[in-house]
Amino acid sequence: MTYVIAEPCIDVVDRACVEECPVDCIYEGDRALYIHPDECVDCGACEPVCPVEAIFYEDDLPAQWSVFTDDNARFFTEPLPGAATALDSPGGAAKLGRVGVDTPLVAGHPRPA
């Protein structure tokens, strides 16, 4: 099990969770943040600092956002738009920096007016 970042993060991208994460497993796309499921140690430090309550333990993710479990993993396991290969396990978000692209689910989400 792991923590998942869901829809409320889209277009907010508040980095309080990134700063709080002791293992550097929260990566920044363009419009959302993503938790690497293999790097997350399930400590829960990120959840209480999220200002929009977008982070959930996988088993506690509300049904309406269940697609975000696979979507968070997809950010690492499938090539992102414009990339030839998947990110896989880069070994820390700080090393990689802002990725600047999102999964199709997040990229296709309506932008705020």
Protein backbone atom coordinates (compact mmCIF):
# COMPACT_ATOMS: atom_id res chain seq x y z
CA MET A 1 0.00 0.00 0.00
CA THR A 2 1.02 3.58 -0.51
CA TYR A 3 -0.24 7.13 -0.34
CA VAL A 4 -1.96 8.63 -3.38
CA ILE A 5 -2.43 12.21 -4.53
CA ALA A 6 -5.91 12.74 -5.97
CA GLU A 7 -7.85 15.30 -7.98
CA PRO A 8 -7.84 18.19 -5.46
CA CYS A 9 -4.10 18.69 -6.16
CA ILE A 10 -4.63 19.41 -9.85
CA ASP A 11 -3.72 23.04 -10.59
CA VAL A 12 -2.84 23.66 -6.92
CA VAL A 13 0.56 21.90 -6.70
CA ASP A 14 1.25 23.11 -3.17
CA ARG A 15 4.67 21.73 -2.27
CA ALA A 16 4.17 21.47 1.51
CA CYS A 17 3.99 17.69 1.12
CA VAL A 18 7.26 17.65 -0.84
CA GLU A 19 9.01 19.55 1.93
CA GLU A 20 7.62 17.19 4.59
CA CYS A 21 8.42 13.91 2.82
CA PRO A 22 11.44 12.27 4.49
CA VAL A 23 12.21 9.99 1.53
CA ASP A 24 11.80 12.48 -1.35
CA CYS A 25 9.19 10.37 -3.17
CA ILE A 26 6.78 13.13 -4.28
CA TYR A 27 7.43 14.23 -7.84
CA GLU A 28 6.19 17.36 -9.58
CA GLY A 29 4.47 17.17 -12.94
CA ASP A 30 3.04 20.23 -14.64
CA ARG A 31 -0.39 20.47 -13.02
CA ALA A 32 -0.14 17.94 -10.16
CA LEU A 33 2.16 16.07 -7.82
CA TYR A 34 2.65 12.29 -7.83
CA ILE A 35 3.81 9.85 -5.13
CA HIS A 36 6.12 7.10 -6.31
CA PRO A 37 4.47 3.89 -5.01
CA ASP A 38 7.76 1.98 -4.69
CA GLU A 39 9.67 4.80 -2.98
CA CYS A 40 6.93 5.77 -0.50
CA VAL A 41 7.51 4.28 2.98
CA ASP A 42 3.93 4.90 4.12
CA CYS A 43 4.97 7.26 6.90
CA GLY A 44 2.00 9.58 6.33
CA ALA A 45 3.98 12.80 6.89
CA CYS A 46 2.63 14.29 3.67
CA GLU A 47 -1.07 13.82 4.39
CA PRO A 48 -1.69 16.33 7.21
CA VAL A 49 0.21 19.18 5.52
CA CYS A 50 -1.76 19.09 2.27
CA PRO A 51 -3.85 22.29 2.24
CA VAL A 52 -6.47 20.85 -0.14
CA GLU A 53 -6.71 17.36 1.43
CA ALA A 54 -5.63 15.63 -1.79
CA ILE A 55 -3.42 12.95 -0.18
CA PHE A 56 -4.92 9.68 1.00
CA TYR A 57 -3.69 6.33 2.17
CA GLU A 58 -4.57 4.02 -0.73
CA ASP A 59 -7.22 2.10 1.25
CA ASP A 60 -8.85 5.38 2.34
CA LEU A 61 -9.04 6.99 -1.10
CA PRO A 62 -12.64 8.10 -1.81
CA ALA A 63 -14.29 6.03 -4.55
CA GLN A 64 -14.72 9.02 -6.86
CA TRP A 65 -10.92 9.36 -7.03
CA SER A 66 -10.01 5.66 -7.21
CA VAL A 67 -8.53 6.13 -10.72
CA PHE A 68 -5.72 8.17 -9.14
CA THR A 69 -4.15 5.07 -7.56
CA ASP A 70 -3.22 3.66 -10.97
CA ASP A 71 -2.60 7.15 -12.35
CA ASN A 72 0.05 7.92 -9.71
CA ALA A 73 1.82 4.67 -10.62
CA ARG A 74 1.40 5.33 -14.35
CA PHE A 75 3.39 8.56 -13.96
CA PHE A 76 6.43 6.35 -13.31
CA THR A 77 5.69 3.18 -15.29
CA GLU A 78 4.61 4.55 -18.69
CA PRO A 79 6.40 7.08 -20.90
CA LEU A 80 5.02 10.56 -20.32
CA PRO A 81 4.09 12.74 -23.31
CA GLY A 82 7.27 13.66 -25.17
CA ALA A 83 9.43 11.02 -23.43
CA ALA A 84 10.84 7.90 -25.03
CA THR A 85 10.95 5.90 -21.81
CA ALA A 86 9.21 5.75 -18.43
CA LEU A 87 10.68 7.52 -15.39
CA ASP A 88 10.80 4.18 -13.53
CA SER A 89 12.47 4.77 -10.14
CA PRO A 90 14.69 7.83 -10.40
CA GLY A 91 15.67 7.55 -6.73
CA GLY A 92 14.38 10.85 -5.47
CA ALA A 93 12.41 13.81 -6.71
CA ALA A 94 15.08 16.37 -5.82
CA LYS A 95 17.58 14.74 -8.17
CA LEU A 96 15.10 14.78 -11.03
CA GLY A 97 13.55 18.19 -10.44
CA ARG A 98 10.26 19.35 -11.90
CA VAL A 99 9.19 16.93 -14.63
CA GLY A 100 6.82 19.46 -16.20
CA VAL A 101 4.41 16.98 -17.82
CA ASP A 102 1.48 14.99 -16.49
CA THR A 103 -0.32 11.74 -17.11
CA PRO A 104 -3.12 11.92 -19.69
CA LEU A 105 -5.70 11.82 -16.86
CA VAL A 106 -4.33 14.95 -15.22
CA ALA A 107 -3.43 16.72 -18.48
CA GLY A 108 -6.97 16.17 -19.76
CA HIS A 109 -8.63 17.50 -16.62
CA PRO A 110 -10.53 20.75 -17.32
CA ARG A 111 -8.54 23.83 -16.42
CA PRO A 112 -10.08 26.26 -13.95
CA ALA A 113 -11.87 29.23 -15.46
